Protein backbone atom coordinates (compact mmCIF):
# COMPACT_ATOMS: atom_id res chain seq x y z
CA UNK A 1 0.00 0.00 0.00
CA UNK A 2 2.93 2.30 0.75
CA UNK A 3 4.30 1.93 -2.80
CA UNK A 4 0.87 2.48 -4.30
CA UNK A 5 0.37 5.60 -2.20
CA UNK A 6 3.73 6.96 -3.35
CA UNK A 7 2.78 6.57 -7.02
CA UNK A 8 -0.77 7.87 -6.63
CA UNK A 9 0.35 10.96 -4.75
CA UNK A 10 3.30 11.75 -7.06
CA UNK A 11 2.38 14.98 -8.88
CA UNK A 12 4.77 14.12 -11.74
CA UNK A 13 2.73 11.04 -12.66
CA UNK A 14 -0.53 11.85 -14.44
CA UNK A 15 -3.47 9.61 -13.60
CA UNK A 16 -6.40 8.58 -15.79
CA UNK A 17 -9.52 7.20 -14.15
CA UNK A 18 -13.03 5.92 -14.79
CA UNK A 19 -15.39 7.67 -12.37
CA UNK A 20 -12.53 9.42 -10.57
CA UNK A 21 -14.83 11.07 -8.03
CA UNK A 22 -15.64 7.70 -6.48
CA UNK A 23 -12.03 6.49 -6.51
CA UNK A 24 -10.78 9.73 -4.96
CA UNK A 25 -13.34 9.45 -2.16
CA UNK A 26 -12.43 5.84 -1.39
CA UNK A 27 -8.69 6.45 -1.55
CA UNK A 28 -9.07 9.63 0.50
CA UNK A 29 -10.66 7.54 3.27
CA UNK A 30 -7.45 5.49 3.25
CA UNK A 31 -5.33 8.62 3.58
CA UNK A 32 -4.25 8.70 -0.07
CA UNK A 33 -4.49 12.09 -1.82
CA UNK A 34 -4.35 11.19 -5.52
CA UNK A 35 -2.94 13.92 -7.76
CA UNK A 36 -3.12 14.84 -10.52
CA UNK A 37 -6.05 13.11 -12.20
CA UNK A 38 -5.79 14.53 -15.70
CA UNK A 39 -8.54 12.59 -17.45
CA UNK A 40 -11.76 10.85 -16.43
CA UNK A 41 -13.18 8.51 -19.08
CA UNK A 42 -16.67 8.65 -17.58
CA UNK A 43 -16.77 12.45 -17.73
CA UNK A 44 -15.38 12.39 -21.27
CA UNK A 45 -18.07 9.93 -22.31
CA UNK A 46 -20.75 12.17 -20.86
CA UNK A 47 -19.32 15.20 -22.69
CA UNK A 48 -19.32 13.34 -26.00
CA UNK A 49 -22.74 11.68 -25.58
CA UNK A 50 -24.75 13.45 -22.84
CA UNK A 51 -28.00 11.76 -23.88
CA UNK A 52 -26.56 8.28 -23.50
CA UNK A 53 -27.32 6.36 -20.31
CA UNK A 54 -24.29 4.08 -20.76
CA UNK A 55 -21.10 5.71 -19.47
CA UNK A 56 -19.80 2.75 -17.46
CA UNK A 57 -16.52 1.05 -18.29
CA UNK A 58 -18.27 -2.06 -19.68
CA UNK A 59 -20.30 0.02 -22.13
CA UNK A 60 -17.33 2.19 -23.16
CA UNK A 61 -15.07 -0.82 -23.78
CA UNK A 62 -17.74 -2.47 -25.92
CA UNK A 63 -18.65 0.72 -27.81
CA UNK A 64 -15.17 2.04 -28.55
CA UNK A 65 -12.91 -1.01 -28.43
CA UNK A 66 -15.37 -3.77 -29.36
CA UNK A 67 -14.21 -5.62 -26.24
CA UNK A 68 -16.48 -7.32 -23.73
CA UNK A 69 -15.36 -6.89 -20.14
CA UNK A 70 -14.59 -9.88 -17.96
CA UNK A 71 -17.59 -11.37 -16.17
CA UNK A 72 -18.58 -9.95 -12.81
CA UNK A 73 -17.50 -11.76 -9.65
CA UNK A 74 -21.05 -13.09 -9.29
CA UNK A 75 -20.94 -14.51 -12.81
CA UNK A 76 -17.58 -16.13 -12.03
CA UNK A 77 -18.31 -17.76 -8.68
CA UNK A 78 -22.10 -17.68 -8.35
CA UNK A 79 -24.16 -16.76 -5.32
CA UNK A 80 -25.78 -18.39 -2.31
CA UNK A 81 -25.53 -22.16 -1.84
CA UNK A 82 -24.07 -22.63 -5.34
CA UNK A 83 -21.27 -20.09 -4.80
CA UNK A 84 -17.76 -21.50 -5.14
CA UNK A 85 -14.44 -20.06 -4.05
CA UNK A 86 -12.12 -18.52 -6.62
CA UNK A 87 -9.70 -21.42 -6.04
CA UNK A 88 -12.39 -23.88 -7.23
CA UNK A 89 -13.25 -21.90 -10.37
CA UNK A 90 -12.27 -23.88 -13.49
CA UNK A 91 -9.59 -22.18 -15.55
CA UNK A 92 -10.55 -20.75 -18.92
CA UNK A 93 -7.57 -22.23 -20.66
PDB file of N, CA and C in Angstrom:
ATOM      1  N   UNK A   1       0.830  -1.174   0.000  1.00  0.00           N
ATOM      2  CA  UNK A   1       0.000   0.000   0.000  1.00  0.00           C
ATOM      3  C   UNK A   1       0.882   1.249   0.000  1.00  0.00           C
ATOM      4  N   UNK A   2       2.021   1.157   0.674  1.00  0.00           N
ATOM      5  CA  UNK A   2       2.928   2.301   0.750  1.00  0.00           C
ATOM      6  C   UNK A   2       3.443   2.677  -0.646  1.00  0.00           C
ATOM      7  N   UNK A   3       3.813   1.669  -1.437  1.00  0.00           N
ATOM      8  CA  UNK A   3       4.305   1.934  -2.800  1.00  0.00           C
ATOM      9  C   UNK A   3       3.200   2.517  -3.671  1.00  0.00           C
ATOM     10  N   UNK A   4       2.007   1.978  -3.531  1.00  0.00           N
ATOM     11  CA  UNK A   4       0.869   2.477  -4.300  1.00  0.00           C
ATOM     12  C   UNK A   4       0.578   3.927  -3.938  1.00  0.00           C
ATOM     13  N   UNK A   5       0.604   4.241  -2.665  1.00  0.00           N
ATOM     14  CA  UNK A   5       0.366   5.603  -2.202  1.00  0.00           C
ATOM     15  C   UNK A   5       1.406   6.554  -2.795  1.00  0.00           C
ATOM     16  N   UNK A   6       2.654   6.138  -2.808  1.00  0.00           N
ATOM     17  CA  UNK A   6       3.734   6.960  -3.353  1.00  0.00           C
ATOM     18  C   UNK A   6       3.468   7.316  -4.816  1.00  0.00           C
ATOM     19  N   UNK A   7       3.052   6.334  -5.597  1.00  0.00           N
ATOM     20  CA  UNK A   7       2.776   6.567  -7.016  1.00  0.00           C
ATOM     21  C   UNK A   7       1.535   7.435  -7.192  1.00  0.00           C
ATOM     22  N   UNK A   8       0.476   7.120  -6.475  1.00  0.00           N
ATOM     23  CA  UNK A   8      -0.772   7.869  -6.630  1.00  0.00           C
ATOM     24  C   UNK A   8      -0.657   9.319  -6.183  1.00  0.00           C
ATOM     25  N   UNK A   9       0.197   9.593  -5.236  1.00  0.00           N
ATOM     26  CA  UNK A   9       0.354  10.956  -4.750  1.00  0.00           C
ATOM     27  C   UNK A   9       1.448  11.739  -5.472  1.00  0.00           C
ATOM     28  N   UNK A  10       2.200  11.079  -6.350  1.00  0.00           N
ATOM     29  CA  UNK A  10       3.295  11.746  -7.063  1.00  0.00           C
ATOM     30  C   UNK A  10       2.728  12.713  -8.106  1.00  0.00           C
ATOM     31  N   UNK A  11       2.947  14.009  -7.942  1.00  0.00           N
ATOM     32  CA  UNK A  11       2.382  14.984  -8.878  1.00  0.00           C
ATOM     33  C   UNK A  11       3.004  14.932 -10.276  1.00  0.00           C
ATOM     34  N   UNK A  12       4.127  14.242 -10.418  1.00  0.00           N
ATOM     35  CA  UNK A  12       4.770  14.125 -11.736  1.00  0.00           C
ATOM     36  C   UNK A  12       4.154  13.012 -12.575  1.00  0.00           C
ATOM     37  N   UNK A  13       3.359  12.158 -11.953  1.00  0.00           N
ATOM     38  CA  UNK A  13       2.730  11.040 -12.661  1.00  0.00           C
ATOM     39  C   UNK A  13       1.260  11.359 -12.871  1.00  0.00           C
ATOM     40  N   UNK A  14       0.874  11.559 -14.137  1.00  0.00           N
ATOM     41  CA  UNK A  14      -0.530  11.846 -14.437  1.00  0.00           C
ATOM     42  C   UNK A  14      -1.356  10.574 -14.279  1.00  0.00           C
ATOM     43  N   UNK A  15      -2.567  10.743 -13.781  1.00  0.00           N
ATOM     44  CA  UNK A  15      -3.470   9.613 -13.597  1.00  0.00           C
ATOM     45  C   UNK A  15      -4.701   9.772 -14.474  1.00  0.00           C
ATOM     46  N   UNK A  16      -5.165   8.647 -15.012  1.00  0.00           N
ATOM     47  CA  UNK A  16      -6.401   8.580 -15.788  1.00  0.00           C
ATOM     48  C   UNK A  16      -7.319   7.645 -15.027  1.00  0.00           C
ATOM     49  N   UNK A  17      -8.598   8.009 -14.942  1.00  0.00           N
ATOM     50  CA  UNK A  17      -9.521   7.205 -14.148  1.00  0.00           C
ATOM     51  C   UNK A  17     -10.865   7.055 -14.851  1.00  0.00           C
ATOM     52  N   UNK A  18     -11.632   6.107 -14.386  1.00  0.00           N
ATOM     53  CA  UNK A  18     -13.026   5.917 -14.788  1.00  0.00           C
ATOM     54  C   UNK A  18     -13.833   6.193 -13.536  1.00  0.00           C
ATOM     55  N   UNK A  19     -14.621   7.256 -13.547  1.00  0.00           N
ATOM     56  CA  UNK A  19     -15.395   7.667 -12.374  1.00  0.00           C
ATOM     57  C   UNK A  19     -14.457   8.064 -11.233  1.00  0.00           C
ATOM     58  N   UNK A  20     -13.561   8.999 -11.519  1.00  0.00           N
ATOM     59  CA  UNK A  20     -12.528   9.420 -10.569  1.00  0.00           C
ATOM     60  C   UNK A  20     -13.100   9.906  -9.248  1.00  0.00           C
ATOM     61  N   UNK A  21     -14.246  10.536  -9.269  1.00  0.00           N
ATOM     62  CA  UNK A  21     -14.825  11.067  -8.032  1.00  0.00           C
ATOM     63  C   UNK A  21     -14.966   9.960  -6.980  1.00  0.00           C
ATOM     64  N   UNK A  22     -15.476   8.827  -7.396  1.00  0.00           N
ATOM     65  CA  UNK A  22     -15.643   7.698  -6.482  1.00  0.00           C
ATOM     66  C   UNK A  22     -14.287   7.209  -5.976  1.00  0.00           C
ATOM     67  N   UNK A  23     -13.352   6.991  -6.896  1.00  0.00           N
ATOM     68  CA  UNK A  23     -12.032   6.493  -6.515  1.00  0.00           C
ATOM     69  C   UNK A  23     -11.333   7.450  -5.544  1.00  0.00           C
ATOM     70  N   UNK A  24     -11.433   8.746  -5.828  1.00  0.00           N
ATOM     71  CA  UNK A  24     -10.781   9.733  -4.964  1.00  0.00           C
ATOM     72  C   UNK A  24     -11.387   9.730  -3.563  1.00  0.00           C
ATOM     73  N   UNK A  25     -12.697   9.532  -3.483  1.00  0.00           N
ATOM     74  CA  UNK A  25     -13.343   9.454  -2.160  1.00  0.00           C
ATOM     75  C   UNK A  25     -12.871   8.229  -1.384  1.00  0.00           C
ATOM     76  N   UNK A  26     -12.848   7.084  -2.048  1.00  0.00           N
ATOM     77  CA  UNK A  26     -12.429   5.842  -1.385  1.00  0.00           C
ATOM     78  C   UNK A  26     -10.964   5.924  -0.967  1.00  0.00           C
ATOM     79  N   UNK A  27     -10.109   6.359  -1.873  1.00  0.00           N
ATOM     80  CA  UNK A  27      -8.686   6.448  -1.545  1.00  0.00           C
ATOM     81  C   UNK A  27      -8.427   7.511  -0.485  1.00  0.00           C
ATOM     82  N   UNK A  28      -9.196   8.590  -0.520  1.00  0.00           N
ATOM     83  CA  UNK A  28      -9.072   9.625   0.503  1.00  0.00           C
ATOM     84  C   UNK A  28      -9.365   9.084   1.895  1.00  0.00           C
ATOM     85  N   UNK A  29     -10.342   8.173   1.992  1.00  0.00           N
ATOM     86  CA  UNK A  29     -10.662   7.541   3.275  1.00  0.00           C
ATOM     87  C   UNK A  29      -9.488   6.705   3.791  1.00  0.00           C
ATOM     88  N   UNK A  30      -8.637   6.271   2.871  1.00  0.00           N
ATOM     89  CA  UNK A  30      -7.451   5.488   3.248  1.00  0.00           C
ATOM     90  C   UNK A  30      -6.234   6.373   3.463  1.00  0.00           C
ATOM     91  N   UNK A  31      -6.437   7.698   3.374  1.00  0.00           N
ATOM     92  CA  UNK A  31      -5.334   8.625   3.576  1.00  0.00           C
ATOM     93  C   UNK A  31      -4.470   8.842   2.355  1.00  0.00           C
ATOM     94  N   UNK A  32      -5.002   8.528   1.174  1.00  0.00           N
ATOM     95  CA  UNK A  32      -4.251   8.705  -0.074  1.00  0.00           C
ATOM     96  C   UNK A  32      -4.859   9.872  -0.842  1.00  0.00           C
ATOM     97  N   UNK A  33      -4.053  10.894  -1.087  1.00  0.00           N
ATOM     98  CA  UNK A  33      -4.491  12.088  -1.818  1.00  0.00           C
ATOM     99  C   UNK A  33      -3.966  12.001  -3.252  1.00  0.00           C
ATOM    100  N   UNK A  34      -4.751  11.409  -4.136  1.00  0.00           N
ATOM    101  CA  UNK A  34      -4.348  11.194  -5.523  1.00  0.00           C
ATOM    102  C   UNK A  34      -4.230  12.529  -6.248  1.00  0.00           C
ATOM    103  N   UNK A  35      -3.122  12.696  -6.976  1.00  0.00           N
ATOM    104  CA  UNK A  35      -2.942  13.915  -7.762  1.00  0.00           C
ATOM    105  C   UNK A  35      -1.833  13.700  -8.790  1.00  0.00           C
ATOM    106  N   UNK A  36      -1.916  14.254  -9.948  1.00  0.00           N
ATOM    107  CA  UNK A  36      -3.123  14.837 -10.522  1.00  0.00           C
ATOM    108  C   UNK A  36      -3.900  13.802 -11.323  1.00  0.00           C
ATOM    109  N   UNK A  37      -5.217  13.899 -11.300  1.00  0.00           N
ATOM    110  CA  UNK A  37      -6.052  13.110 -12.198  1.00  0.00           C
ATOM    111  C   UNK A  37      -6.303  14.018 -13.398  1.00  0.00           C
ATOM    112  N   UNK A  38      -5.740  13.654 -14.535  1.00  0.00           N
ATOM    113  CA  UNK A  38      -5.795  14.533 -15.696  1.00  0.00           C
ATOM    114  C   UNK A  38      -6.902  14.175 -16.679  1.00  0.00           C
ATOM    115  N   UNK A  39      -7.500  12.995 -16.516  1.00  0.00           N
ATOM    116  CA  UNK A  39      -8.542  12.592 -17.455  1.00  0.00           C
ATOM    117  C   UNK A  39      -9.466  11.606 -16.771  1.00  0.00           C
ATOM    118  N   UNK A  40     -10.762  11.768 -16.973  1.00  0.00           N
ATOM    119  CA  UNK A  40     -11.761  10.849 -16.432  1.00  0.00           C
ATOM    120  C   UNK A  40     -12.586  10.355 -17.619  1.00  0.00           C
ATOM    121  N   UNK A  41     -12.493   9.068 -17.922  1.00  0.00           N
ATOM    122  CA  UNK A  41     -13.179   8.514 -19.083  1.00  0.00           C
ATOM    123  C   UNK A  41     -14.695   8.618 -18.971  1.00  0.00           C
ATOM    124  N   UNK A  42     -15.224   8.536 -17.755  1.00  0.00           N
ATOM    125  CA  UNK A  42     -16.669   8.645 -17.583  1.00  0.00           C
ATOM    126  C   UNK A  42     -17.145  10.068 -17.900  1.00  0.00           C
ATOM    127  N   UNK A  43     -16.416  11.062 -17.419  1.00  0.00           N
ATOM    128  CA  UNK A  43     -16.766  12.450 -17.731  1.00  0.00           C
ATOM    129  C   UNK A  43     -16.629  12.723 -19.228  1.00  0.00           C
ATOM    130  N   UNK A  44     -15.576  12.199 -19.829  1.00  0.00           N
ATOM    131  CA  UNK A  44     -15.379  12.395 -21.266  1.00  0.00           C
ATOM    132  C   UNK A  44     -16.528  11.770 -22.051  1.00  0.00           C
ATOM    133  N   UNK A  45     -16.955  10.595 -21.643  1.00  0.00           N
ATOM    134  CA  UNK A  45     -18.068   9.931 -22.311  1.00  0.00           C
ATOM    135  C   UNK A  45     -19.334  10.773 -22.214  1.00  0.00           C
ATOM    136  N   UNK A  46     -19.563  11.327 -21.045  1.00  0.00           N
ATOM    137  CA  UNK A  46     -20.747  12.166 -20.864  1.00  0.00           C
ATOM    138  C   UNK A  46     -20.667  13.415 -21.743  1.00  0.00           C
ATOM    139  N   UNK A  47     -19.485  14.004 -21.847  1.00  0.00           N
ATOM    140  CA  UNK A  47     -19.320  15.203 -22.689  1.00  0.00           C
ATOM    141  C   UNK A  47     -19.577  14.901 -24.160  1.00  0.00           C
ATOM    142  N   UNK A  48     -19.152  13.727 -24.600  1.00  0.00           N
ATOM    143  CA  UNK A  48     -19.324  13.336 -25.998  1.00  0.00           C
ATOM    144  C   UNK A  48     -20.757  12.908 -26.288  1.00  0.00           C
ATOM    145  N   UNK A  49     -21.386  12.229 -25.351  1.00  0.00           N
ATOM    146  CA  UNK A  49     -22.737  11.682 -25.575  1.00  0.00           C
ATOM    147  C   UNK A  49     -23.604  11.915 -24.339  1.00  0.00           C
ATOM    148  N   UNK A  50     -24.002  13.160 -24.062  1.00  0.00           N
ATOM    149  CA  UNK A  50     -24.752  13.451 -22.842  1.00  0.00           C
ATOM    150  C   UNK A  50     -26.120  12.780 -22.767  1.00  0.00           C
ATOM    151  N   UNK A  51     -26.689  12.409 -23.897  1.00  0.00           N
ATOM    152  CA  UNK A  51     -28.002  11.762 -23.884  1.00  0.00           C
ATOM    153  C   UNK A  51     -27.922  10.257 -23.664  1.00  0.00           C
ATOM    154  N   UNK A  52     -26.730   9.712 -23.726  1.00  0.00           N
ATOM    155  CA  UNK A  52     -26.560   8.275 -23.501  1.00  0.00           C
ATOM    156  C   UNK A  52     -26.702   7.973 -22.012  1.00  0.00           C
ATOM    157  N   UNK A  53     -27.210   6.793 -21.714  1.00  0.00           N
ATOM    158  CA  UNK A  53     -27.316   6.362 -20.313  1.00  0.00           C
ATOM    159  C   UNK A  53     -26.190   5.398 -19.972  1.00  0.00           C
ATOM    160  N   UNK A  54     -25.337   5.084 -20.952  1.00  0.00           N
ATOM    161  CA  UNK A  54     -24.288   4.082 -20.759  1.00  0.00           C
ATOM    162  C   UNK A  54     -22.907   4.735 -20.769  1.00  0.00           C
ATOM    163  N   UNK A  55     -22.423   5.098 -19.587  1.00  0.00           N
ATOM    164  CA  UNK A  55     -21.102   5.705 -19.472  1.00  0.00           C
ATOM    165  C   UNK A  55     -20.159   4.844 -18.635  1.00  0.00           C
ATOM    166  N   UNK A  56     -20.623   3.658 -18.255  1.00  0.00           N
ATOM    167  CA  UNK A  56     -19.795   2.745 -17.464  1.00  0.00           C
ATOM    168  C   UNK A  56     -18.675   2.149 -18.294  1.00  0.00           C
ATOM    169  N   UNK A  57     -17.687   1.609 -17.615  1.00  0.00           N
ATOM    170  CA  UNK A  57     -16.519   1.046 -18.291  1.00  0.00           C
ATOM    171  C   UNK A  57     -16.890  -0.099 -19.230  1.00  0.00           C
ATOM    172  N   UNK A  58     -17.834  -0.946 -18.817  1.00  0.00           N
ATOM    173  CA  UNK A  58     -18.267  -2.056 -19.675  1.00  0.00           C
ATOM    174  C   UNK A  58     -18.805  -1.528 -21.002  1.00  0.00           C
ATOM    175  N   UNK A  59     -19.684  -0.536 -20.925  1.00  0.00           N
ATOM    176  CA  UNK A  59     -20.296   0.024 -22.131  1.00  0.00           C
ATOM    177  C   UNK A  59     -19.263   0.733 -23.001  1.00  0.00           C
ATOM    178  N   UNK A  60     -18.349   1.471 -22.387  1.00  0.00           N
ATOM    179  CA  UNK A  60     -17.333   2.185 -23.157  1.00  0.00           C
ATOM    180  C   UNK A  60     -16.375   1.231 -23.855  1.00  0.00           C
ATOM    181  N   UNK A  61     -15.965   0.163 -23.177  1.00  0.00           N
ATOM    182  CA  UNK A  61     -15.070  -0.824 -23.783  1.00  0.00           C
ATOM    183  C   UNK A  61     -15.741  -1.493 -24.978  1.00  0.00           C
ATOM    184  N   UNK A  62     -17.014  -1.835 -24.831  1.00  0.00           N
ATOM    185  CA  UNK A  62     -17.736  -2.469 -25.924  1.00  0.00           C
ATOM    186  C   UNK A  62     -17.942  -1.501 -27.091  1.00  0.00           C
ATOM    187  N   UNK A  63     -18.352  -0.275 -26.779  1.00  0.00           N
ATOM    188  CA  UNK A  63     -18.646   0.720 -27.812  1.00  0.00           C
ATOM    189  C   UNK A  63     -17.401   1.153 -28.597  1.00  0.00           C
ATOM    190  N   UNK A  64     -16.331   1.449 -27.888  1.00  0.00           N
ATOM    191  CA  UNK A  64     -15.170   2.037 -28.546  1.00  0.00           C
ATOM    192  C   UNK A  64     -14.075   1.049 -28.914  1.00  0.00           C
ATOM    193  N   UNK A  65     -13.972  -0.042 -28.184  1.00  0.00           N
ATOM    194  CA  UNK A  65     -12.910  -1.009 -28.427  1.00  0.00           C
ATOM    195  C   UNK A  65     -13.420  -2.346 -28.946  1.00  0.00           C
ATOM    196  N   UNK A  66     -14.751  -2.498 -28.952  1.00  0.00           N
ATOM    197  CA  UNK A  66     -15.374  -3.767 -29.357  1.00  0.00           C
ATOM    198  C   UNK A  66     -14.882  -4.926 -28.480  1.00  0.00           C
ATOM    199  N   UNK A  67     -14.666  -4.616 -27.202  1.00  0.00           N
ATOM    200  CA  UNK A  67     -14.213  -5.619 -26.244  1.00  0.00           C
ATOM    201  C   UNK A  67     -15.242  -5.788 -25.138  1.00  0.00           C
ATOM    202  N   UNK A  68     -15.578  -7.040 -24.846  1.00  0.00           N
ATOM    203  CA  UNK A  68     -16.485  -7.322 -23.730  1.00  0.00           C
ATOM    204  C   UNK A  68     -15.642  -7.461 -22.472  1.00  0.00           C
ATOM    205  N   UNK A  69     -16.084  -6.811 -21.414  1.00  0.00           N
ATOM    206  CA  UNK A  69     -15.357  -6.886 -20.144  1.00  0.00           C
ATOM    207  C   UNK A  69     -15.472  -8.292 -19.569  1.00  0.00           C
ATOM    208  N   UNK A  70     -14.560  -8.599 -18.655  1.00  0.00           N
ATOM    209  CA  UNK A  70     -14.594  -9.883 -17.964  1.00  0.00           C
ATOM    210  C   UNK A  70     -15.896  -9.992 -17.185  1.00  0.00           C
ATOM    211  N   UNK A  71     -16.357 -11.193 -16.951  1.00  0.00           N
ATOM    212  CA  UNK A  71     -17.592 -11.370 -16.174  1.00  0.00           C
ATOM    213  C   UNK A  71     -17.455 -10.770 -14.780  1.00  0.00           C
ATOM    214  N   UNK A  72     -18.589 -10.461 -14.180  1.00  0.00           N
ATOM    215  CA  UNK A  72     -18.581  -9.954 -12.807  1.00  0.00           C
ATOM    216  C   UNK A  72     -18.208 -11.088 -11.861  1.00  0.00           C
ATOM    217  N   UNK A  73     -17.855 -10.747 -10.648  1.00  0.00           N
ATOM    218  CA  UNK A  73     -17.505 -11.756  -9.649  1.00  0.00           C
ATOM    219  C   UNK A  73     -18.657 -12.728  -9.434  1.00  0.00           C
ATOM    220  N   UNK A  74     -19.883 -12.218  -9.466  1.00  0.00           N
ATOM    221  CA  UNK A  74     -21.053 -13.088  -9.289  1.00  0.00           C
ATOM    222  C   UNK A  74     -21.158 -14.073 -10.445  1.00  0.00           C
ATOM    223  N   UNK A  75     -20.900 -13.617 -11.656  1.00  0.00           N
ATOM    224  CA  UNK A  75     -20.942 -14.514 -12.808  1.00  0.00           C
ATOM    225  C   UNK A  75     -19.832 -15.561 -12.740  1.00  0.00           C
ATOM    226  N   UNK A  76     -18.707 -15.201 -12.134  1.00  0.00           N
ATOM    227  CA  UNK A  76     -17.584 -16.133 -12.031  1.00  0.00           C
ATOM    228  C   UNK A  76     -17.792 -17.202 -10.973  1.00  0.00           C
ATOM    229  N   UNK A  77     -18.262 -16.801  -9.792  1.00  0.00           N
ATOM    230  CA  UNK A  77     -18.312 -17.763  -8.681  1.00  0.00           C
ATOM    231  C   UNK A  77     -19.712 -18.061  -8.166  1.00  0.00           C
ATOM    232  N   UNK A  78     -20.727 -17.412  -8.757  1.00  0.00           N
ATOM    233  CA  UNK A  78     -22.098 -17.681  -8.350  1.00  0.00           C
ATOM    234  C   UNK A  78     -22.484 -16.971  -7.066  1.00  0.00           C
ATOM    235  N   UNK A  79     -23.651 -17.356  -6.550  1.00  0.00           N
ATOM    236  CA  UNK A  79     -24.164 -16.764  -5.320  1.00  0.00           C
ATOM    237  C   UNK A  79     -24.813 -17.841  -4.464  1.00  0.00           C
ATOM    238  N   UNK A  80     -25.040 -17.496  -3.212  1.00  0.00           N
ATOM    239  CA  UNK A  80     -25.776 -18.390  -2.312  1.00  0.00           C
ATOM    240  C   UNK A  80     -25.141 -19.752  -2.144  1.00  0.00           C
ATOM    241  N   UNK A  81     -25.992 -20.795  -2.079  1.00  0.00           N
ATOM    242  CA  UNK A  81     -25.525 -22.162  -1.843  1.00  0.00           C
ATOM    243  C   UNK A  81     -24.654 -22.689  -2.979  1.00  0.00           C
ATOM    244  N   UNK A  82     -24.842 -22.151  -4.187  1.00  0.00           N
ATOM    245  CA  UNK A  82     -24.074 -22.626  -5.336  1.00  0.00           C
ATOM    246  C   UNK A  82     -22.762 -21.865  -5.536  1.00  0.00           C
ATOM    247  N   UNK A  83     -22.487 -20.879  -4.658  1.00  0.00           N
ATOM    248  CA  UNK A  83     -21.268 -20.092  -4.796  1.00  0.00           C
ATOM    249  C   UNK A  83     -20.049 -20.952  -4.514  1.00  0.00           C
ATOM    250  N   UNK A  84     -19.012 -20.783  -5.332  1.00  0.00           N
ATOM    251  CA  UNK A  84     -17.756 -21.503  -5.141  1.00  0.00           C
ATOM    252  C   UNK A  84     -16.662 -20.483  -4.813  1.00  0.00           C
ATOM    253  N   UNK A  85     -15.554 -20.961  -4.309  1.00  0.00           N
ATOM    254  CA  UNK A  85     -14.437 -20.058  -4.048  1.00  0.00           C
ATOM    255  C   UNK A  85     -13.664 -19.860  -5.343  1.00  0.00           C
ATOM    256  N   UNK A  86     -12.905 -18.788  -5.410  1.00  0.00           N
ATOM    257  CA  UNK A  86     -12.117 -18.518  -6.623  1.00  0.00           C
ATOM    258  C   UNK A  86     -11.115 -19.637  -6.889  1.00  0.00           C
ATOM    259  N   UNK A  87     -10.657 -20.319  -5.856  1.00  0.00           N
ATOM    260  CA  UNK A  87      -9.701 -21.418  -6.042  1.00  0.00           C
ATOM    261  C   UNK A  87     -10.356 -22.633  -6.697  1.00  0.00           C
ATOM    262  N   UNK A  88     -11.687 -22.751  -6.617  1.00  0.00           N
ATOM    263  CA  UNK A  88     -12.393 -23.881  -7.230  1.00  0.00           C
ATOM    264  C   UNK A  88     -12.910 -23.567  -8.626  1.00  0.00           C
ATOM    265  N   UNK A  89     -12.772 -22.289  -9.052  1.00  0.00           N
ATOM    266  CA  UNK A  89     -13.253 -21.896 -10.371  1.00  0.00           C
ATOM    267  C   UNK A  89     -12.407 -22.575 -11.442  1.00  0.00           C
ATOM    268  N   UNK A  90     -13.053 -23.241 -12.426  1.00  0.00           N
ATOM    269  CA  UNK A  90     -12.274 -23.879 -13.493  1.00  0.00           C
ATOM    270  C   UNK A  90     -11.544 -22.820 -14.310  1.00  0.00           C
ATOM    271  N   UNK A  91     -10.343 -23.128 -14.732  1.00  0.00           N
ATOM    272  CA  UNK A  91      -9.586 -22.175 -15.548  1.00  0.00           C
ATOM    273  C   UNK A  91     -10.188 -22.098 -16.939  1.00  0.00           C
ATOM    274  N   UNK A  92      -9.978 -20.945 -17.576  1.00  0.00           N
ATOM    275  CA  UNK A  92     -10.549 -20.751 -18.916  1.00  0.00           C
ATOM    276  C   UNK A  92      -9.567 -21.130 -20.005  1.00  0.00           C
ATOM    277  N   UNK A  93      -8.471 -21.742 -19.641  1.00  0.00           N
ATOM    278  CA  UNK A  93      -7.572 -22.231 -20.656  1.00  0.00           C
ATOM    279  C   UNK A  93      -6.297 -21.538 -20.597  1.00  0.00           C
TER     280      UNK A  93
END
